Amino acid sequence: MRNRPQHWKPEGLVKRITDDETIQSWLIHQGSLTKRLRERCPTIQVHILSERLEVPLNNETNALKIHRNEQAWVRCVLLKCDEQSWVYARTVIPNFNRDNPWESLQKLGNKPLGEVLFEMPSIKRTPFALSKLPLNTWPYLMASLKTDQKSHAGFARRSVFLQEDSPLLLTEVFLPGLLSLKTDH
């Protein structure tokens, strides 16, 4: 799975990913995703699937401009509402050590990353890259999904956050449980 090619498009080409305006609104939403999710579900929960040093996916090493076998800190979580999986989020931080400004994120626990990122005014964020990929593309996800969701595709967005020139790649995959809801734009 690590070598599977993945095709990411710039956010300006969102219509090539999907014609559905509701899905588009999730993909290109510029504000805090956590805040938007909490508006729909105040009791949103974070379930940690994995949190450790590992070699990122090839497309992640390319996005972060790091060597293919270089380890990074990788955190994979599910954001859930009432046991319904809404978003799979994957954070990749290279050069993870005590001097890395992101090092404190290792202590996030069940707190959503978005609640921390949007409180930090010095952070810069790159434009989104978007993709539509089978859900089995994402490590640690399949074991957490209901059987009827496993054959679906996930609509994904990713961007790099920079703090003191240190990158953090955040990928968010919108799952069928969220996308099947009627939403406002």
Protein backbone atom coordinates (compact mmCIF):
# COMPACT_ATOMS: atom_id res chain seq x y z
CA MET A 1 0.00 0.00 0.00
CA ARG A 2 2.93 2.33 0.65
CA ASN A 3 3.82 2.50 -3.04
CA ARG A 4 0.31 2.95 -4.41
CA PRO A 5 0.27 6.06 -6.64
CA GLN A 6 -1.98 8.83 -5.45
CA HIS A 7 -3.14 11.73 -7.52
CA TRP A 8 -3.59 15.06 -5.80
CA LYS A 9 -5.10 18.08 -7.54
CA PRO A 10 -4.89 21.75 -6.52
CA GLU A 11 -8.00 23.08 -4.76
CA GLY A 12 -8.87 25.16 -7.84
CA LEU A 13 -9.68 21.87 -9.61
CA VAL A 14 -12.19 20.70 -6.97
CA LYS A 15 -14.79 20.03 -9.68
CA ARG A 16 -12.51 17.33 -11.11
CA ILE A 17 -12.74 15.56 -7.74
CA THR A 18 -16.54 15.86 -7.36
CA ASP A 19 -19.55 17.72 -8.75
CA ASP A 20 -21.31 17.48 -5.38
CA GLU A 21 -21.40 20.98 -3.87
CA THR A 22 -21.75 19.68 -0.33
CA ILE A 23 -18.59 17.60 -0.65
CA GLN A 24 -16.83 20.53 -2.32
CA SER A 25 -17.76 22.75 0.63
CA TRP A 26 -16.08 20.29 3.02
CA LEU A 27 -12.99 19.96 0.83
CA ILE A 28 -12.25 23.66 0.41
CA HIS A 29 -13.46 25.00 3.77
CA GLN A 30 -10.69 27.34 4.95
CA GLY A 31 -11.57 27.60 8.63
CA SER A 32 -11.18 25.09 11.42
CA LEU A 33 -12.64 21.73 10.40
CA THR A 34 -12.95 20.82 14.08
CA LYS A 35 -15.06 23.91 14.74
CA ARG A 36 -17.30 23.14 11.77
CA LEU A 37 -17.75 19.55 12.92
CA ARG A 38 -18.59 20.70 16.47
CA GLU A 39 -21.35 22.91 15.06
CA ARG A 40 -23.01 19.71 13.82
CA CYS A 41 -21.96 17.53 16.76
CA PRO A 42 -20.88 19.26 19.99
CA THR A 43 -19.72 15.91 21.40
CA ILE A 44 -17.27 15.12 18.59
CA GLN A 45 -14.74 12.54 19.79
CA VAL A 46 -11.18 11.76 18.74
CA HIS A 47 -10.25 8.07 18.54
CA ILE A 48 -6.52 7.47 18.10
CA LEU A 49 -5.78 4.71 15.61
CA SER A 50 -1.98 5.04 15.67
CA GLU A 51 0.55 7.50 17.02
CA ARG A 52 4.23 6.68 16.53
CA LEU A 53 7.41 7.13 14.56
CA GLU A 54 7.14 5.40 11.18
CA VAL A 55 8.06 5.81 7.53
CA PRO A 56 5.38 7.96 5.83
CA LEU A 57 3.62 7.02 2.61
CA ASN A 58 5.58 7.81 -0.57
CA ASN A 59 3.25 10.65 -1.55
CA GLU A 60 3.73 12.15 1.92
CA THR A 61 7.52 12.04 1.65
CA ASN A 62 7.19 13.81 -1.70
CA ALA A 63 4.89 16.49 -0.25
CA LEU A 64 7.27 17.06 2.68
CA LYS A 65 10.43 16.82 0.54
CA ILE A 66 12.02 14.22 2.79
CA HIS A 67 13.87 10.98 1.99
CA ARG A 68 11.70 7.94 1.27
CA ASN A 69 12.95 5.89 4.22
CA GLU A 70 13.11 8.75 6.71
CA GLN A 71 10.96 8.24 9.77
CA ALA A 72 8.47 10.86 10.89
CA TRP A 73 5.97 11.15 13.70
CA VAL A 74 2.62 9.97 12.31
CA ARG A 75 -0.71 10.31 14.10
CA CYS A 76 -3.85 8.75 12.62
CA VAL A 77 -7.22 9.47 14.23
CA LEU A 78 -10.92 9.18 13.59
CA LEU A 79 -13.24 12.06 14.40
CA LYS A 80 -16.56 10.52 15.41
CA CYS A 81 -20.04 11.66 16.32
CA ASP A 82 -22.20 9.21 18.26
CA GLU A 83 -19.96 6.31 17.16
CA GLN A 84 -20.35 7.33 13.49
CA SER A 85 -16.95 7.86 11.82
CA TRP A 86 -16.89 11.23 10.09
CA VAL A 87 -13.26 12.11 9.33
CA TYR A 88 -10.00 10.18 9.18
CA ALA A 89 -7.11 12.56 9.89
CA ARG A 90 -3.43 11.80 9.37
CA THR A 91 -0.68 14.06 10.65
CA VAL A 92 2.94 13.62 9.53
CA ILE A 93 5.78 15.58 11.13
CA PRO A 94 9.36 14.97 9.89
CA ASN A 95 12.51 15.72 11.91
CA PHE A 96 10.59 15.03 15.08
CA ASN A 97 12.78 15.80 18.07
CA ARG A 98 12.92 18.16 21.06
CA ASP A 99 14.02 21.06 18.83
CA ASN A 100 11.04 20.66 16.51
CA PRO A 101 8.39 23.32 17.25
CA TRP A 102 5.66 20.68 16.78
CA GLU A 103 7.12 18.40 19.47
CA SER A 104 4.41 19.34 22.00
CA LEU A 105 1.77 17.79 19.74
CA GLN A 106 2.95 14.41 20.95
CA LYS A 107 0.91 15.12 24.10
CA LEU A 108 -2.39 15.89 22.31
CA GLY A 109 -4.09 12.73 23.47
CA ASN A 110 -7.77 12.83 22.48
CA LYS A 111 -7.75 16.56 21.74
CA PRO A 112 -8.37 17.44 18.07
CA LEU A 113 -5.34 18.86 16.28
CA GLY A 114 -7.49 21.63 14.77
CA GLU A 115 -8.18 23.07 18.20
CA VAL A 116 -4.43 23.62 18.60
CA LEU A 117 -3.50 24.72 15.07
CA PHE A 118 -6.05 27.48 14.82
CA GLU A 119 -4.92 28.96 18.15
CA MET A 120 -1.39 29.52 16.80
CA PRO A 121 -1.29 32.84 14.89
CA SER A 122 2.27 32.40 13.59
CA ILE A 123 1.43 29.31 11.51
CA LYS A 124 1.32 29.45 7.73
CA ARG A 125 -0.77 27.00 5.70
CA THR A 126 -0.27 25.97 2.08
CA PRO A 127 -3.25 25.72 -0.29
CA PHE A 128 -5.14 22.44 -0.24
CA ALA A 129 -4.40 19.49 -2.50
CA LEU A 130 -7.46 17.31 -3.11
CA SER A 131 -8.06 13.69 -4.05
CA LYS A 132 -10.67 10.95 -4.20
CA LEU A 133 -9.19 7.64 -3.12
CA PRO A 134 -10.41 4.22 -1.99
CA LEU A 135 -10.70 4.09 1.78
CA ASN A 136 -8.29 1.15 1.91
CA THR A 137 -5.56 3.61 0.83
CA TRP A 138 -5.31 4.91 4.39
CA PRO A 139 -3.33 2.99 7.01
CA TYR A 140 -5.19 1.85 10.13
CA LEU A 141 -8.60 2.92 8.77
CA MET A 142 -10.24 -0.24 7.45
CA ALA A 143 -10.40 -2.04 10.80
CA SER A 144 -12.40 0.89 12.21
CA LEU A 145 -15.07 1.14 9.51
CA LYS A 146 -18.41 -0.58 9.29
CA THR A 147 -18.58 -3.24 6.59
CA ASP A 148 -20.97 -1.21 4.41
CA GLN A 149 -18.49 1.71 4.31
CA LYS A 150 -15.39 -0.22 3.27
CA SER A 151 -16.15 -0.20 -0.47
CA HIS A 152 -16.63 3.58 -0.63
CA ALA A 153 -14.14 6.18 -1.77
CA GLY A 154 -13.01 8.92 0.53
CA PHE A 155 -12.73 12.54 -0.48
CA ALA A 156 -9.47 13.88 0.89
CA ARG A 157 -7.71 17.17 1.34
CA ARG A 158 -4.26 17.91 2.62
CA SER A 159 -2.09 20.91 3.32
CA VAL A 160 1.21 21.68 4.97
CA PHE A 161 1.33 23.86 8.06
CA LEU A 162 4.62 25.65 8.71
CA GLN A 163 5.88 26.78 12.09
CA GLU A 164 9.44 28.18 12.24
CA ASP A 165 10.00 26.59 8.81
CA SER A 166 9.15 23.14 10.20
CA PRO A 167 6.41 21.35 8.22
CA LEU A 168 3.41 19.39 9.42
CA LEU A 169 1.38 17.58 6.75
CA LEU A 170 -2.28 17.19 7.64
CA THR A 171 -4.53 14.97 5.53
CA GLU A 172 -8.27 14.84 6.24
CA VAL A 173 -10.47 12.21 4.60
CA PHE A 174 -14.21 12.82 4.67
CA LEU A 175 -15.98 9.53 5.31
CA PRO A 176 -19.41 8.30 4.16
CA GLY A 177 -20.94 8.84 7.63
CA LEU A 178 -20.38 12.60 7.33
CA LEU A 179 -20.98 13.00 3.61
CA SER A 180 -24.38 11.29 3.78
CA LEU A 181 -25.70 13.99 6.13
CA LYS A 182 -27.64 16.94 4.80
CA THR A 183 -25.38 19.94 5.37
CA ASP A 184 -25.42 23.64 4.82
CA HIS A 185 -22.64 25.27 2.85
